[in-house]
């Protein structure tokens, strides 16, 4: 079972995960206003404006869902930091290359296992 070699590596990635989580939480507040129910006065706003507003609302909802998924991935990675399994591939239990973790600190698979899953 491969573990991250140094405690400082885990702390580096934990700090990155915490910063990323804070950024996502701050964006959630902004998105909440954008995903509110579209209520336009039909007398003063045309049909195309309403359709545009509804499209913007749908895009904001999609962004919110992606952010919520990323927050779950970050929380899971932070739990792995705490239990000593951070940086291990969930499939083969080999160490995940630190360069991969730099790109995606919440990565759960080594590149080989990720490619195998993608087919």
N, C-alpha and C. Protein backbone atom coordinates (compact mmCIF):
# COMPACT_ATOMS: atom_id res chain seq x y z
N UNK A 1 0.85 -1.18 0.00
CA UNK A 1 0.00 0.00 0.00
C UNK A 1 0.90 1.24 0.00
N UNK A 2 0.83 2.07 -1.05
CA UNK A 2 1.70 3.23 -1.14
C UNK A 2 1.10 4.43 -0.43
N UNK A 3 1.92 5.12 0.32
CA UNK A 3 1.49 6.34 1.02
C UNK A 3 2.29 7.51 0.49
N UNK A 4 1.77 8.72 0.65
CA UNK A 4 2.55 9.91 0.29
C UNK A 4 3.81 9.87 1.13
N UNK A 5 4.95 10.20 0.53
CA UNK A 5 6.23 10.00 1.20
C UNK A 5 6.48 10.95 2.35
N UNK A 6 6.00 12.17 2.27
CA UNK A 6 6.30 13.13 3.33
C UNK A 6 5.02 13.82 3.81
N UNK A 7 4.98 14.10 5.10
CA UNK A 7 3.83 14.80 5.69
C UNK A 7 3.66 16.17 5.03
N UNK A 8 4.77 16.82 4.67
CA UNK A 8 4.67 18.15 4.06
C UNK A 8 3.92 18.07 2.73
N UNK A 9 4.04 16.98 1.99
CA UNK A 9 3.29 16.84 0.75
C UNK A 9 1.79 16.87 1.03
N UNK A 10 1.37 16.11 2.03
CA UNK A 10 -0.05 16.08 2.37
C UNK A 10 -0.51 17.47 2.81
N UNK A 11 0.29 18.15 3.59
CA UNK A 11 -0.10 19.49 4.05
C UNK A 11 -0.18 20.48 2.89
N UNK A 12 0.71 20.33 1.93
CA UNK A 12 0.66 21.19 0.73
C UNK A 12 -0.67 20.98 0.00
N UNK A 13 -1.02 19.73 -0.22
CA UNK A 13 -2.27 19.43 -0.94
C UNK A 13 -3.49 19.76 -0.10
N UNK A 14 -3.42 19.56 1.22
CA UNK A 14 -4.53 19.94 2.09
C UNK A 14 -4.80 21.45 1.97
N UNK A 15 -3.74 22.24 1.97
CA UNK A 15 -3.89 23.70 1.85
C UNK A 15 -4.52 24.07 0.51
N UNK A 16 -4.10 23.40 -0.56
CA UNK A 16 -4.70 23.65 -1.87
C UNK A 16 -6.17 23.28 -1.88
N UNK A 17 -6.52 22.15 -1.29
CA UNK A 17 -7.91 21.71 -1.22
C UNK A 17 -8.76 22.69 -0.42
N UNK A 18 -8.23 23.17 0.69
CA UNK A 18 -8.97 24.12 1.52
C UNK A 18 -9.20 25.43 0.78
N UNK A 19 -8.19 25.91 0.05
CA UNK A 19 -8.36 27.15 -0.73
C UNK A 19 -9.41 26.96 -1.82
N UNK A 20 -9.34 25.82 -2.49
CA UNK A 20 -10.30 25.54 -3.55
C UNK A 20 -11.73 25.46 -2.99
N UNK A 21 -11.87 24.84 -1.81
CA UNK A 21 -13.18 24.74 -1.18
C UNK A 21 -13.72 26.13 -0.85
N UNK A 22 -12.89 27.00 -0.30
CA UNK A 22 -13.33 28.36 0.03
C UNK A 22 -13.75 29.13 -1.21
N UNK A 23 -13.02 28.97 -2.31
CA UNK A 23 -13.38 29.64 -3.55
C UNK A 23 -14.75 29.17 -4.04
N UNK A 24 -14.98 27.87 -3.99
CA UNK A 24 -16.26 27.32 -4.45
C UNK A 24 -17.41 27.78 -3.56
N UNK A 25 -17.18 27.82 -2.25
CA UNK A 25 -18.24 28.28 -1.34
C UNK A 25 -18.58 29.74 -1.58
N UNK A 26 -17.57 30.55 -1.88
CA UNK A 26 -17.82 31.97 -2.17
C UNK A 26 -18.63 32.11 -3.47
N UNK A 27 -18.32 31.28 -4.46
CA UNK A 27 -19.06 31.34 -5.72
C UNK A 27 -20.50 30.87 -5.56
N UNK A 28 -20.74 29.98 -4.62
CA UNK A 28 -22.11 29.49 -4.40
C UNK A 28 -23.06 30.62 -4.05
N UNK A 29 -22.59 31.56 -3.26
CA UNK A 29 -23.45 32.68 -2.87
C UNK A 29 -23.85 33.49 -4.10
N UNK A 30 -22.89 33.70 -5.00
CA UNK A 30 -23.18 34.45 -6.21
C UNK A 30 -24.16 33.69 -7.09
N UNK A 31 -23.99 32.38 -7.18
CA UNK A 31 -24.86 31.57 -8.04
C UNK A 31 -26.29 31.49 -7.52
N UNK A 32 -26.47 31.58 -6.21
CA UNK A 32 -27.82 31.46 -5.66
C UNK A 32 -28.75 32.52 -6.24
N UNK A 33 -28.23 33.72 -6.39
CA UNK A 33 -29.06 34.79 -6.97
C UNK A 33 -29.37 34.50 -8.43
N UNK A 34 -28.41 33.93 -9.15
CA UNK A 34 -28.60 33.66 -10.57
C UNK A 34 -29.54 32.49 -10.83
N UNK A 35 -29.70 31.60 -9.86
CA UNK A 35 -30.56 30.43 -10.07
C UNK A 35 -31.96 30.63 -9.52
N UNK A 36 -32.25 31.81 -9.02
CA UNK A 36 -33.59 32.08 -8.50
C UNK A 36 -34.60 31.98 -9.62
N UNK A 37 -35.85 31.78 -9.27
CA UNK A 37 -36.92 31.66 -10.25
C UNK A 37 -36.99 32.90 -11.12
N UNK A 38 -37.10 32.67 -12.42
CA UNK A 38 -37.19 33.78 -13.37
C UNK A 38 -38.60 34.37 -13.29
N UNK A 39 -38.66 35.63 -12.91
CA UNK A 39 -39.94 36.33 -12.85
C UNK A 39 -39.80 37.65 -13.58
N UNK A 40 -40.31 37.67 -14.78
CA UNK A 40 -40.25 38.90 -15.57
C UNK A 40 -41.67 39.37 -15.85
N UNK A 41 -41.84 40.64 -15.85
CA UNK A 41 -43.13 41.24 -16.18
C UNK A 41 -43.32 41.14 -17.69
N UNK A 42 -44.23 40.30 -18.14
CA UNK A 42 -44.43 40.07 -19.57
C UNK A 42 -44.88 41.34 -20.29
N UNK A 43 -45.48 42.26 -19.58
CA UNK A 43 -45.93 43.50 -20.22
C UNK A 43 -44.74 44.37 -20.61
N UNK A 44 -43.67 44.32 -19.84
CA UNK A 44 -42.53 45.20 -20.13
C UNK A 44 -41.35 44.48 -20.76
N UNK A 45 -41.36 43.17 -20.77
CA UNK A 45 -40.23 42.41 -21.31
C UNK A 45 -40.74 41.43 -22.35
N UNK A 46 -40.09 41.37 -23.48
CA UNK A 46 -40.52 40.49 -24.56
C UNK A 46 -40.22 39.03 -24.30
N UNK A 47 -40.79 38.20 -25.16
CA UNK A 47 -40.65 36.74 -25.04
C UNK A 47 -39.19 36.31 -25.14
N UNK A 48 -38.42 36.92 -26.04
CA UNK A 48 -37.02 36.55 -26.21
C UNK A 48 -36.20 36.87 -24.96
N UNK A 49 -36.52 37.98 -24.32
CA UNK A 49 -35.81 38.33 -23.08
C UNK A 49 -36.08 37.29 -21.99
N UNK A 50 -37.33 36.83 -21.93
CA UNK A 50 -37.68 35.81 -20.94
C UNK A 50 -36.94 34.52 -21.26
N UNK A 51 -36.89 34.14 -22.53
CA UNK A 51 -36.17 32.92 -22.91
C UNK A 51 -34.69 33.04 -22.58
N UNK A 52 -34.12 34.22 -22.81
CA UNK A 52 -32.72 34.44 -22.49
C UNK A 52 -32.49 34.33 -20.98
N UNK A 53 -33.39 34.89 -20.21
CA UNK A 53 -33.27 34.81 -18.75
C UNK A 53 -33.37 33.36 -18.27
N UNK A 54 -34.27 32.59 -18.89
CA UNK A 54 -34.42 31.20 -18.50
C UNK A 54 -33.17 30.38 -18.88
N UNK A 55 -32.58 30.70 -20.03
CA UNK A 55 -31.35 30.02 -20.44
C UNK A 55 -30.21 30.34 -19.46
N UNK A 56 -30.10 31.60 -19.07
CA UNK A 56 -29.07 31.98 -18.10
C UNK A 56 -29.29 31.27 -16.77
N UNK A 57 -30.56 31.14 -16.37
CA UNK A 57 -30.87 30.44 -15.13
C UNK A 57 -30.45 28.97 -15.23
N UNK A 58 -30.72 28.32 -16.35
CA UNK A 58 -30.34 26.91 -16.53
C UNK A 58 -28.82 26.75 -16.51
N UNK A 59 -28.11 27.67 -17.12
CA UNK A 59 -26.65 27.61 -17.10
C UNK A 59 -26.12 27.79 -15.67
N UNK A 60 -26.73 28.69 -14.92
CA UNK A 60 -26.31 28.91 -13.53
C UNK A 60 -26.59 27.67 -12.68
N UNK A 61 -27.73 27.01 -12.92
CA UNK A 61 -28.06 25.79 -12.18
C UNK A 61 -27.06 24.68 -12.49
N UNK A 62 -26.67 24.56 -13.76
CA UNK A 62 -25.67 23.57 -14.16
C UNK A 62 -24.34 23.86 -13.47
N UNK A 63 -23.94 25.12 -13.42
CA UNK A 63 -22.70 25.50 -12.75
C UNK A 63 -22.76 25.19 -11.26
N UNK A 64 -23.93 25.39 -10.65
CA UNK A 64 -24.10 25.08 -9.23
C UNK A 64 -23.95 23.59 -8.99
N UNK A 65 -24.53 22.77 -9.85
CA UNK A 65 -24.43 21.32 -9.69
C UNK A 65 -22.98 20.85 -9.83
N UNK A 66 -22.26 21.42 -10.80
CA UNK A 66 -20.84 21.05 -10.95
C UNK A 66 -20.03 21.47 -9.73
N UNK A 67 -20.33 22.65 -9.19
CA UNK A 67 -19.61 23.13 -8.01
C UNK A 67 -19.90 22.23 -6.80
N UNK A 68 -21.15 21.78 -6.66
CA UNK A 68 -21.50 20.89 -5.55
C UNK A 68 -20.77 19.55 -5.67
N UNK A 69 -20.65 19.03 -6.88
CA UNK A 69 -19.90 17.80 -7.11
C UNK A 69 -18.42 18.00 -6.75
N UNK A 70 -17.86 19.12 -7.16
CA UNK A 70 -16.45 19.40 -6.85
C UNK A 70 -16.26 19.55 -5.34
N UNK A 71 -17.21 20.17 -4.66
CA UNK A 71 -17.11 20.29 -3.20
C UNK A 71 -17.12 18.91 -2.54
N UNK A 72 -17.94 18.00 -3.03
CA UNK A 72 -17.96 16.64 -2.48
C UNK A 72 -16.63 15.94 -2.71
N UNK A 73 -16.04 16.14 -3.90
CA UNK A 73 -14.73 15.55 -4.19
C UNK A 73 -13.65 16.11 -3.25
N UNK A 74 -13.72 17.41 -3.00
CA UNK A 74 -12.74 18.05 -2.12
C UNK A 74 -12.90 17.54 -0.69
N UNK A 75 -14.14 17.45 -0.21
CA UNK A 75 -14.38 16.95 1.15
C UNK A 75 -13.86 15.53 1.30
N UNK A 76 -14.06 14.70 0.28
CA UNK A 76 -13.56 13.32 0.33
C UNK A 76 -12.04 13.30 0.36
N UNK A 77 -11.41 14.17 -0.41
CA UNK A 77 -9.94 14.24 -0.42
C UNK A 77 -9.42 14.70 0.94
N UNK A 78 -10.11 15.65 1.57
CA UNK A 78 -9.69 16.11 2.90
C UNK A 78 -9.81 14.98 3.93
N UNK A 79 -10.86 14.15 3.80
CA UNK A 79 -10.99 12.99 4.70
C UNK A 79 -9.84 12.01 4.48
N UNK A 80 -9.43 11.84 3.21
CA UNK A 80 -8.30 10.96 2.94
C UNK A 80 -7.02 11.53 3.52
N UNK A 81 -6.89 12.85 3.53
CA UNK A 81 -5.72 13.49 4.18
C UNK A 81 -5.71 13.12 5.66
N UNK A 82 -6.87 13.16 6.28
CA UNK A 82 -6.98 12.89 7.71
C UNK A 82 -6.73 11.42 8.05
N UNK A 83 -7.18 10.51 7.18
CA UNK A 83 -7.04 9.08 7.52
C UNK A 83 -5.76 8.45 6.97
N UNK A 84 -4.93 9.27 6.31
CA UNK A 84 -3.63 8.76 5.85
C UNK A 84 -3.65 8.06 4.51
N UNK A 85 -4.76 8.13 3.78
CA UNK A 85 -4.81 7.46 2.49
C UNK A 85 -4.74 8.43 1.32
N UNK A 86 -4.55 9.71 1.60
CA UNK A 86 -4.47 10.70 0.52
C UNK A 86 -3.28 10.37 -0.38
N UNK A 87 -3.51 10.48 -1.68
CA UNK A 87 -2.44 10.23 -2.64
C UNK A 87 -2.35 8.79 -3.08
N UNK A 88 -3.23 7.93 -2.57
CA UNK A 88 -3.28 6.54 -2.99
C UNK A 88 -4.40 6.36 -4.00
N UNK A 89 -4.14 5.58 -5.03
CA UNK A 89 -5.16 5.25 -6.02
C UNK A 89 -6.21 4.37 -5.35
N UNK A 90 -7.48 4.70 -5.52
CA UNK A 90 -8.54 3.92 -4.91
C UNK A 90 -8.69 2.54 -5.55
N UNK A 91 -8.20 2.37 -6.78
CA UNK A 91 -8.30 1.08 -7.44
C UNK A 91 -7.11 0.17 -7.12
N UNK A 92 -5.89 0.64 -7.41
CA UNK A 92 -4.72 -0.23 -7.27
C UNK A 92 -3.91 0.03 -6.00
N UNK A 93 -4.25 1.07 -5.26
CA UNK A 93 -3.59 1.45 -4.01
C UNK A 93 -2.14 1.88 -4.17
N UNK A 94 -1.71 2.12 -5.40
CA UNK A 94 -0.38 2.65 -5.66
C UNK A 94 -0.42 4.17 -5.50
N UNK A 95 0.74 4.80 -5.26
CA UNK A 95 0.75 6.26 -5.13
C UNK A 95 0.34 6.95 -6.43
N UNK A 96 -0.44 8.01 -6.29
CA UNK A 96 -0.80 8.86 -7.43
C UNK A 96 0.35 9.83 -7.64
N UNK A 97 0.77 9.98 -8.88
CA UNK A 97 1.88 10.88 -9.20
C UNK A 97 1.57 12.28 -8.66
N UNK A 98 2.49 12.89 -7.91
CA UNK A 98 2.25 14.24 -7.37
C UNK A 98 1.93 15.27 -8.45
N UNK A 99 2.44 15.07 -9.67
CA UNK A 99 2.12 16.00 -10.76
C UNK A 99 0.64 15.93 -11.09
N UNK A 100 0.05 14.74 -11.02
CA UNK A 100 -1.39 14.59 -11.24
C UNK A 100 -2.16 15.30 -10.13
N UNK A 101 -1.68 15.15 -8.90
CA UNK A 101 -2.35 15.81 -7.77
C UNK A 101 -2.22 17.33 -7.85
N UNK A 102 -1.13 17.83 -8.43
CA UNK A 102 -1.00 19.28 -8.62
C UNK A 102 -2.09 19.78 -9.55
N UNK A 103 -2.39 19.01 -10.59
CA UNK A 103 -3.44 19.41 -11.54
C UNK A 103 -4.83 19.26 -10.95
N UNK A 104 -5.02 18.18 -10.17
CA UNK A 104 -6.32 17.91 -9.55
C UNK A 104 -6.07 17.33 -8.17
N UNK A 105 -6.00 18.18 -7.14
CA UNK A 105 -5.71 17.68 -5.79
C UNK A 105 -6.75 16.72 -5.24
N UNK A 106 -7.92 16.65 -5.86
CA UNK A 106 -8.96 15.74 -5.40
C UNK A 106 -8.96 14.43 -6.20
N UNK A 107 -7.95 14.21 -7.03
CA UNK A 107 -7.89 12.99 -7.85
C UNK A 107 -7.90 11.76 -6.96
N UNK A 108 -8.62 10.74 -7.41
CA UNK A 108 -8.73 9.51 -6.62
C UNK A 108 -8.06 8.32 -7.30
N UNK A 109 -7.65 8.50 -8.56
CA UNK A 109 -7.07 7.40 -9.32
C UNK A 109 -5.73 7.81 -9.91
N UNK A 110 -4.82 6.85 -10.00
CA UNK A 110 -3.58 7.08 -10.73
C UNK A 110 -3.94 7.18 -12.21
N UNK A 111 -3.04 7.68 -13.00
CA UNK A 111 -3.34 7.90 -14.42
C UNK A 111 -3.66 6.58 -15.12
N UNK A 112 -2.96 5.51 -14.77
CA UNK A 112 -3.21 4.21 -15.41
C UNK A 112 -4.63 3.73 -15.14
N UNK A 113 -5.06 3.78 -13.90
CA UNK A 113 -6.41 3.33 -13.55
C UNK A 113 -7.48 4.27 -14.13
N UNK A 114 -7.20 5.57 -14.17
CA UNK A 114 -8.16 6.51 -14.74
C UNK A 114 -8.33 6.24 -16.24
N UNK A 115 -7.23 5.97 -16.94
CA UNK A 115 -7.32 5.66 -18.36
C UNK A 115 -8.06 4.35 -18.59
N UNK A 116 -7.83 3.37 -17.72
CA UNK A 116 -8.52 2.08 -17.86
C UNK A 116 -10.03 2.26 -17.69
N UNK A 117 -10.44 3.13 -16.79
CA UNK A 117 -11.88 3.37 -16.59
C UNK A 117 -12.51 4.10 -17.77
N UNK A 118 -11.72 5.03 -18.37
CA UNK A 118 -12.24 5.79 -19.49
C UNK A 118 -12.33 4.97 -20.75
N UNK A 119 -11.67 3.82 -20.75
CA UNK A 119 -11.81 2.86 -21.82
C UNK A 119 -10.98 3.09 -22.98
